[in-house]
Amino acid sequence: MQDSKQIEFIAERVVSEVLSRHLPEIRQEMVRRVIAELPAAGTSEGGAASAVLDAALAALQDVTSQADVLNVLLDFAARFSGRVALFVVRGESATVWQARGFPDDNGLRNFNLNLADAVVARVVHERVPGAAGLDFDPNFLARVGHAAGGNAILLPLVLREKVSALVYADCGLEGGKLDVSALKLLMRSAGMWLEVLALRKAMMGGAPAPEPPPAPERSPVTVGSVTPERAAAVAASAPPQAAQQQAAPAASRSAIAVATPESDWTPEERDLHLRAQRFARLLVDEIKLYNQAKVAEGRAARDLYDRLKEDIDKSRASYHKRYGSTPAAAADYFTKELVRILADNDASLLGANFPG
């Protein structure tokens, strides 16, 4: 009987082969999404920023571990700022994992950020970026110096509705670049890619929620060889979180009103339903991204389920494993997202063999 390491090796090889077959579609989709967001984000240098972001997304696609994703995040964040540091949030502490651009990057390791600081507390609690100017954690500023004009920002890395890391970025002591819009897009892409990695591991046998690891022994990922043309789409396999929240239509809200009226939900129940719906959307978006040709053919032939049965059944099992025994189970968000995303809101396109 094969041991667990052999099974894991085989599973990773199979996943790699499947991804390789679909990389052209994945790259095209990611480039489309990045280009669509850049004008709204208002990045300062237009095409140059787009090229760097494309390269960042390509680098994310090329790595498969959490540590490497964080290295890519830091390396490219340094392209949009003067100085940058990543803090791992665990329990009641936020500790520097790695930094870029400071006089002594390694000397900052293990520095603990004050979570009671007003700016830090708001970013962690509200899960939104916050200005980290002259009133930021005084111990940290005493250590690294004040950014010119107080031009600094603190960004949350949100994984499964929880802040797992914080990224501090500023324009440097002498004043320089700080492209906040590009940094936000980069953070969002890194967060989504970490969730996709965790999702794949879960589908292959279960995995805990993604969490930034300790500092790796290997050297940081080299990004100089990555070209903009190799941009990848996996990091955006689900719509960005902020976009989901801003664009959530009334139809989406009503879709989760089952059994107990939405107005009677407790805050905990509301959060559970939203997390279940978001997870279902991520699963189905991934199916669509990896099977664009089959989706088009299945819609035309009205037999989507027959063509995508293996992927749909595996994803359904993953969804039920997480939410099948919770109060959100009755809403069956997975089926709703299949109909909405794959079948373009026409359930008949799934075919007569779809179990519903």
Protein backbone atom coordinates (compact mmCIF):
# COMPACT_ATOMS: atom_id res chain seq x y z
CA MET A 1 0.00 0.00 0.00
CA GLN A 2 1.35 3.40 -0.90
CA ASP A 3 2.32 5.58 2.03
CA SER A 4 0.99 9.10 2.48
CA LYS A 5 4.04 10.77 0.91
CA GLN A 6 3.67 8.72 -2.27
CA ILE A 7 -0.02 9.56 -2.46
CA GLU A 8 0.71 13.25 -1.91
CA PHE A 9 3.37 13.17 -4.65
CA ILE A 10 0.94 11.58 -7.11
CA ALA A 11 -1.80 14.07 -6.20
CA GLU A 12 0.53 17.03 -6.69
CA ARG A 13 1.67 15.67 -10.07
CA VAL A 14 -1.91 15.22 -11.26
CA VAL A 15 -2.91 18.72 -10.12
CA SER A 16 0.17 20.16 -11.85
CA GLU A 17 -0.71 18.39 -15.10
CA VAL A 18 -4.29 19.67 -15.00
CA LEU A 19 -3.13 23.23 -14.34
CA SER A 20 -0.62 23.07 -17.17
CA ARG A 21 -3.35 22.21 -19.65
CA HIS A 22 -5.41 25.23 -18.64
CA LEU A 23 -2.74 27.90 -18.13
CA PRO A 24 -3.55 29.79 -21.38
CA GLU A 25 -7.16 30.35 -20.31
CA ILE A 26 -6.07 31.18 -16.75
CA ARG A 27 -3.57 33.79 -17.91
CA GLN A 28 -6.07 35.44 -20.23
CA GLU A 29 -8.67 35.69 -17.50
CA MET A 30 -6.25 37.22 -14.99
CA VAL A 31 -4.96 39.78 -17.47
CA ARG A 32 -8.56 40.73 -18.26
CA ARG A 33 -9.38 41.24 -14.60
CA VAL A 34 -6.25 43.24 -13.84
CA ILE A 35 -6.81 45.54 -16.83
CA ALA A 36 -10.46 45.98 -15.81
CA GLU A 37 -9.49 47.07 -12.30
CA LEU A 38 -6.52 49.32 -13.04
CA PRO A 39 -8.48 52.31 -14.44
CA ALA A 40 -10.85 52.28 -11.46
CA ALA A 41 -7.95 51.93 -9.05
CA GLY A 42 -6.25 54.95 -10.54
CA THR A 43 -2.70 53.66 -10.47
CA SER A 44 -0.27 56.47 -11.06
CA GLU A 45 1.83 55.17 -13.92
CA GLY A 46 -0.72 53.35 -16.02
CA GLY A 47 1.01 50.88 -18.32
CA ALA A 48 4.13 50.57 -16.15
CA ALA A 49 2.06 49.66 -13.09
CA SER A 50 0.03 47.23 -15.17
CA ALA A 51 3.19 45.49 -16.38
CA VAL A 52 4.55 45.11 -12.85
CA LEU A 53 1.23 43.77 -11.60
CA ASP A 54 1.10 41.31 -14.50
CA ALA A 55 4.57 40.11 -13.52
CA ALA A 56 3.49 39.79 -9.89
CA LEU A 57 0.51 37.64 -10.86
CA ALA A 58 2.75 35.47 -13.01
CA ALA A 59 5.15 35.03 -10.09
CA LEU A 60 2.27 34.04 -7.80
CA GLN A 61 1.22 31.37 -10.28
CA ASP A 62 4.74 29.96 -10.30
CA VAL A 63 4.86 29.17 -6.56
CA THR A 64 2.95 26.60 -4.53
CA SER A 65 3.78 27.29 -0.89
CA GLN A 66 2.50 29.94 1.50
CA ALA A 67 6.04 31.13 2.28
CA ASP A 68 6.77 31.68 -1.41
CA VAL A 69 3.50 33.57 -1.92
CA LEU A 70 4.47 35.93 0.90
CA ASN A 71 7.94 36.39 -0.57
CA VAL A 72 6.41 37.34 -3.93
CA LEU A 73 4.03 39.70 -2.16
CA LEU A 74 6.89 41.47 -0.39
CA ASP A 75 9.18 41.56 -3.44
CA PHE A 76 6.54 43.23 -5.60
CA ALA A 77 5.19 45.46 -2.82
CA ALA A 78 8.72 46.87 -2.69
CA ARG A 79 8.30 47.87 -6.35
CA PHE A 80 5.35 50.08 -5.38
CA SER A 81 6.78 51.58 -2.17
CA GLY A 82 9.97 52.78 -0.55
CA ARG A 83 9.90 50.38 2.40
CA VAL A 84 7.65 47.45 3.28
CA ALA A 85 7.32 45.00 6.17
CA LEU A 86 4.99 42.02 6.65
CA PHE A 87 3.65 41.22 10.14
CA VAL A 88 2.24 37.78 10.92
CA VAL A 89 -0.87 38.03 13.12
CA ARG A 90 -1.27 35.19 15.60
CA GLY A 91 -3.53 35.53 18.61
CA GLU A 92 -2.71 38.80 20.33
CA SER A 93 0.57 39.46 18.53
CA ALA A 94 1.71 40.80 15.16
CA THR A 95 5.35 39.99 14.49
CA VAL A 96 7.61 41.05 11.62
CA TRP A 97 8.13 38.10 9.28
CA GLN A 98 10.28 39.82 6.65
CA ALA A 99 10.94 43.35 5.43
CA ARG A 100 12.29 45.12 2.35
CA GLY A 101 13.96 48.51 1.95
CA PHE A 102 14.94 49.25 5.56
CA PRO A 103 18.61 49.80 6.53
CA ASP A 104 18.52 46.55 8.51
CA ASP A 105 15.73 44.32 7.19
CA ASN A 106 16.86 41.28 9.18
CA GLY A 107 17.12 43.35 12.36
CA LEU A 108 13.38 43.99 12.19
CA ARG A 109 12.50 40.31 12.42
CA ASN A 110 10.51 39.39 15.53
CA PHE A 111 9.59 43.03 16.22
CA ASN A 112 6.10 43.01 17.75
CA LEU A 113 3.58 45.57 16.55
CA ASN A 114 1.24 47.00 19.18
CA LEU A 115 -2.20 45.59 18.34
CA ALA A 116 -3.75 48.10 20.73
CA ASP A 117 -2.51 50.98 18.57
CA ALA A 118 -5.54 52.84 17.21
CA VAL A 119 -4.54 52.46 13.55
CA VAL A 120 -3.61 48.78 13.90
CA ALA A 121 -6.76 47.94 15.86
CA ARG A 122 -9.00 49.55 13.24
CA VAL A 123 -7.30 47.78 10.33
CA VAL A 124 -7.56 44.40 12.08
CA HIS A 125 -11.14 44.92 13.27
CA GLU A 126 -12.58 46.44 10.10
CA ARG A 127 -10.30 44.54 7.67
CA VAL A 128 -9.63 47.66 5.60
CA PRO A 129 -6.39 49.58 4.90
CA GLY A 130 -5.55 52.49 7.16
CA ALA A 131 -3.17 55.45 7.02
CA ALA A 132 -0.07 54.72 9.14
CA GLY A 133 1.29 58.25 9.47
CA LEU A 134 2.83 60.13 12.35
CA ASP A 135 0.37 58.68 14.88
CA PHE A 136 1.27 55.07 14.04
CA ASP A 137 2.81 52.71 16.64
CA PRO A 138 5.51 54.96 18.21
CA ASN A 139 7.82 52.04 19.03
CA PHE A 140 7.89 50.96 15.40
CA LEU A 141 8.45 54.49 14.11
CA ALA A 142 11.22 55.04 16.65
CA ARG A 143 12.87 51.90 15.27
CA VAL A 144 12.61 52.68 11.54
CA GLY A 145 12.12 56.43 11.39
CA HIS A 146 9.17 58.51 10.17
CA ALA A 147 8.30 58.29 6.48
CA ALA A 148 8.56 61.60 4.64
CA GLY A 149 5.34 63.53 5.22
CA GLY A 150 3.91 60.59 7.15
CA ASN A 151 3.09 58.98 3.80
CA ALA A 152 2.49 55.38 4.91
CA ILE A 153 -0.26 52.76 4.90
CA LEU A 154 -1.12 49.55 6.74
CA LEU A 155 -2.91 46.87 4.68
CA PRO A 156 -4.61 43.68 5.94
CA LEU A 157 -4.12 40.28 4.31
CA VAL A 158 -7.56 38.74 4.76
CA LEU A 159 -7.93 34.94 4.60
CA ARG A 160 -11.31 33.36 5.24
CA GLU A 161 -12.73 36.53 6.76
CA LYS A 162 -9.79 36.86 9.17
CA VAL A 163 -6.73 39.11 9.15
CA SER A 164 -3.78 36.73 9.05
CA ALA A 165 -1.08 39.29 8.26
CA LEU A 166 -0.49 43.03 8.01
CA VAL A 167 1.70 44.83 5.48
CA TYR A 168 3.19 48.20 6.36
CA ALA A 169 4.38 50.26 3.38
CA ASP A 170 5.68 53.81 3.14
CA CYS A 171 7.47 56.21 0.78
CA GLY A 172 10.80 56.04 2.64
CA LEU A 173 12.66 58.62 4.71
CA GLU A 174 13.48 60.89 1.79
CA GLY A 175 10.11 60.69 0.06
CA GLY A 176 9.49 58.46 -2.90
CA LYS A 177 6.94 56.10 -4.42
CA LEU A 178 3.89 54.75 -2.61
CA ASP A 179 1.27 53.42 -5.03
CA VAL A 180 -1.57 52.54 -2.68
CA SER A 181 -3.95 51.38 -5.43
CA ALA A 182 -1.43 48.91 -6.82
CA LEU A 183 -0.62 47.65 -3.33
CA LYS A 184 -4.29 46.98 -2.66
CA LEU A 185 -4.62 44.95 -5.86
CA LEU A 186 -1.45 43.04 -5.03
CA MET A 187 -2.69 42.23 -1.51
CA ARG A 188 -6.03 41.08 -2.85
CA SER A 189 -4.41 38.79 -5.42
CA ALA A 190 -2.01 37.28 -2.88
CA GLY A 191 -4.87 36.62 -0.48
CA MET A 192 -6.94 34.92 -3.16
CA TRP A 193 -4.02 32.79 -4.28
CA LEU A 194 -3.40 31.63 -0.68
CA GLU A 195 -7.06 30.66 -0.41
CA VAL A 196 -6.91 28.76 -3.70
CA LEU A 197 -3.82 26.85 -2.47
CA ALA A 198 -5.61 25.93 0.75
CA LEU A 199 -8.73 24.95 -1.18
CA ARG A 200 -6.80 22.56 -3.42
CA LYS A 201 -5.14 20.94 -0.42
CA ALA A 202 -8.51 20.55 1.27
CA MET A 203 -9.94 18.89 -1.85
CA MET A 204 -7.03 16.44 -1.77
CA GLY A 205 -7.59 15.40 1.81
CA GLY A 206 -8.25 18.30 4.13
CA ALA A 207 -6.20 21.25 5.26
CA PRO A 208 -6.48 23.94 7.94
CA ALA A 209 -7.19 27.57 7.15
CA PRO A 210 -4.23 29.19 5.41
CA GLU A 211 -1.86 30.97 7.77
CA PRO A 212 1.44 32.73 7.10
CA PRO A 213 4.29 30.34 8.02
CA PRO A 214 7.47 31.06 9.94
CA ALA A 215 10.34 32.68 8.04
CA PRO A 216 11.61 30.22 5.41
CA GLU A 217 15.20 29.03 5.24
CA ARG A 218 15.32 29.40 1.47
CA SER A 219 16.14 32.70 -0.17
CA PRO A 220 13.32 34.97 -1.35
CA VAL A 221 11.74 34.26 -4.72
CA THR A 222 13.63 35.94 -7.57
CA VAL A 223 11.28 38.00 -9.68
CA GLY A 224 13.66 39.47 -12.21
CA SER A 225 13.13 36.66 -14.72
CA VAL A 226 9.33 36.94 -14.72
CA THR A 227 7.89 38.70 -17.75
CA PRO A 228 4.56 40.53 -17.92
CA GLU A 229 3.38 38.16 -20.66
CA ARG A 230 3.33 35.28 -18.16
CA ALA A 231 0.53 36.81 -16.10
CA ALA A 232 -1.62 34.18 -14.33
CA ALA A 233 -5.31 34.06 -13.48
CA VAL A 234 -5.51 31.64 -10.59
CA ALA A 235 -5.12 34.36 -7.96
CA ALA A 236 -8.38 35.90 -9.16
CA SER A 237 -10.35 32.66 -9.50
CA ALA A 238 -12.93 34.32 -7.28
CA PRO A 239 -13.98 37.97 -7.57
CA PRO A 240 -11.95 40.22 -5.23
CA GLN A 241 -13.48 40.38 -1.78
CA ALA A 242 -14.00 44.11 -1.82
CA ALA A 243 -15.68 43.91 -5.22
CA GLN A 244 -17.96 41.13 -3.99
CA GLN A 245 -19.05 43.21 -1.02
CA GLN A 246 -19.60 46.37 -3.07
CA ALA A 247 -21.40 44.64 -5.92
CA ALA A 248 -23.57 42.24 -3.92
CA PRO A 249 -26.99 42.74 -5.52
CA ALA A 250 -30.35 42.34 -3.89
CA ALA A 251 -30.76 39.01 -5.71
CA SER A 252 -27.67 37.62 -3.97
CA ARG A 253 -28.94 38.72 -0.59
CA SER A 254 -32.34 37.20 -1.19
CA ALA A 255 -30.78 33.96 -2.37
CA ILE A 256 -29.51 33.27 1.13
CA ALA A 257 -32.82 33.96 2.86
CA VAL A 258 -34.02 30.42 3.64
CA ALA A 259 -36.03 28.85 6.43
CA THR A 260 -35.37 31.65 8.94
CA PRO A 261 -36.04 35.11 7.49
CA GLU A 262 -32.88 37.11 6.96
CA SER A 263 -34.18 39.81 9.29
CA ASP A 264 -34.22 37.28 12.13
CA TRP A 265 -30.65 36.09 11.72
CA THR A 266 -28.16 36.71 14.47
CA PRO A 267 -24.86 38.33 13.45
CA GLU A 268 -23.23 34.90 13.75
CA GLU A 269 -25.81 33.30 11.44
CA ARG A 270 -25.45 36.09 8.91
CA ASP A 271 -21.66 35.67 8.91
CA LEU A 272 -22.00 31.89 8.49
CA HIS A 273 -24.30 32.26 5.48
CA LEU A 274 -22.04 34.80 3.83
CA ARG A 275 -18.98 32.59 4.34
CA ALA A 276 -20.81 29.57 2.94
CA GLN A 277 -21.94 31.51 -0.12
CA ARG A 278 -18.45 32.89 -0.68
CA PHE A 279 -16.90 29.42 -0.44
CA ALA A 280 -19.44 28.02 -2.92
CA ARG A 281 -18.69 30.88 -5.30
CA LEU A 282 -14.96 30.20 -5.06
CA LEU A 283 -15.46 26.49 -5.82
CA VAL A 284 -17.65 27.10 -8.85
CA ASP A 285 -15.52 29.95 -10.18
CA GLU A 286 -12.55 27.59 -10.10
CA ILE A 287 -14.47 24.92 -12.04
CA LYS A 288 -15.37 27.49 -14.67
CA LEU A 289 -11.84 28.85 -15.00
CA TYR A 290 -10.31 25.41 -15.52
CA ASN A 291 -12.98 24.18 -17.94
CA GLN A 292 -13.95 27.12 -20.13
CA ALA A 293 -14.23 25.05 -23.31
CA LYS A 294 -16.38 22.38 -21.60
CA VAL A 295 -18.59 25.07 -20.09
CA ALA A 296 -19.24 26.60 -23.52
CA GLU A 297 -19.91 23.18 -25.06
CA GLY A 298 -22.10 22.11 -22.15
CA ARG A 299 -24.23 25.22 -22.36
CA ALA A 300 -24.74 24.68 -26.07
CA ALA A 301 -25.62 21.00 -25.62
CA ARG A 302 -27.50 21.55 -22.33
CA ASP A 303 -25.47 18.85 -20.55
CA LEU A 304 -23.07 20.76 -18.30
CA TYR A 305 -23.25 18.22 -15.49
CA ASP A 306 -22.38 15.27 -17.74
CA ARG A 307 -19.29 17.06 -19.05
CA LEU A 308 -18.13 18.36 -15.64
CA LYS A 309 -19.44 15.61 -13.37
CA GLU A 310 -16.10 14.75 -11.73
CA ASP A 311 -15.22 18.36 -10.93
CA ILE A 312 -18.73 19.22 -9.76
CA ASP A 313 -19.03 16.15 -7.51
CA LYS A 314 -15.62 16.73 -5.91
CA SER A 315 -16.36 20.39 -5.27
CA ARG A 316 -19.81 19.56 -3.89
CA ALA A 317 -18.22 17.08 -1.48
CA SER A 318 -15.75 19.73 -0.36
CA TYR A 319 -18.58 22.21 0.21
CA HIS A 320 -20.70 19.73 2.20
CA LYS A 321 -17.69 18.69 4.26
CA ARG A 322 -17.38 22.27 5.50
CA TYR A 323 -20.98 23.47 5.61
CA GLY A 324 -23.19 20.37 5.29
CA SER A 325 -23.79 20.09 9.05
CA THR A 326 -24.28 23.82 9.66
CA PRO A 327 -27.45 25.93 9.58
CA ALA A 328 -26.36 27.19 6.16
CA ALA A 329 -26.79 23.71 4.64
CA ALA A 330 -30.47 24.27 3.83
CA ALA A 331 -29.60 27.17 1.56
CA ASP A 332 -27.55 24.88 -0.71
CA TYR A 333 -25.39 27.72 -1.98
CA PHE A 334 -23.28 25.34 -4.03
CA THR A 335 -26.20 24.43 -6.28
CA LYS A 336 -27.27 28.08 -6.51
CA GLU A 337 -23.77 29.11 -7.62
CA LEU A 338 -23.64 26.27 -10.17
CA VAL A 339 -26.84 27.55 -11.73
CA ARG A 340 -25.76 31.20 -11.57
CA ILE A 341 -22.14 30.88 -12.71
CA LEU A 342 -21.96 27.76 -14.87
CA ALA A 343 -25.49 27.69 -16.27
CA ASP A 344 -25.92 31.47 -16.58
CA ASN A 345 -29.04 31.34 -14.36
CA ASP A 346 -30.69 28.61 -16.48
CA ALA A 347 -30.80 25.38 -14.46
CA SER A 348 -31.90 23.37 -17.51
CA LEU A 349 -28.42 23.81 -19.01
CA LEU A 350 -27.04 21.48 -16.34
CA GLY A 351 -28.91 18.61 -18.02
CA ALA A 352 -31.36 15.89 -17.10
CA ASN A 353 -28.77 13.94 -15.06
CA PHE A 354 -28.00 16.78 -12.70
CA PRO A 355 -28.99 15.62 -9.19
CA GLY A 356 -30.17 19.07 -8.18
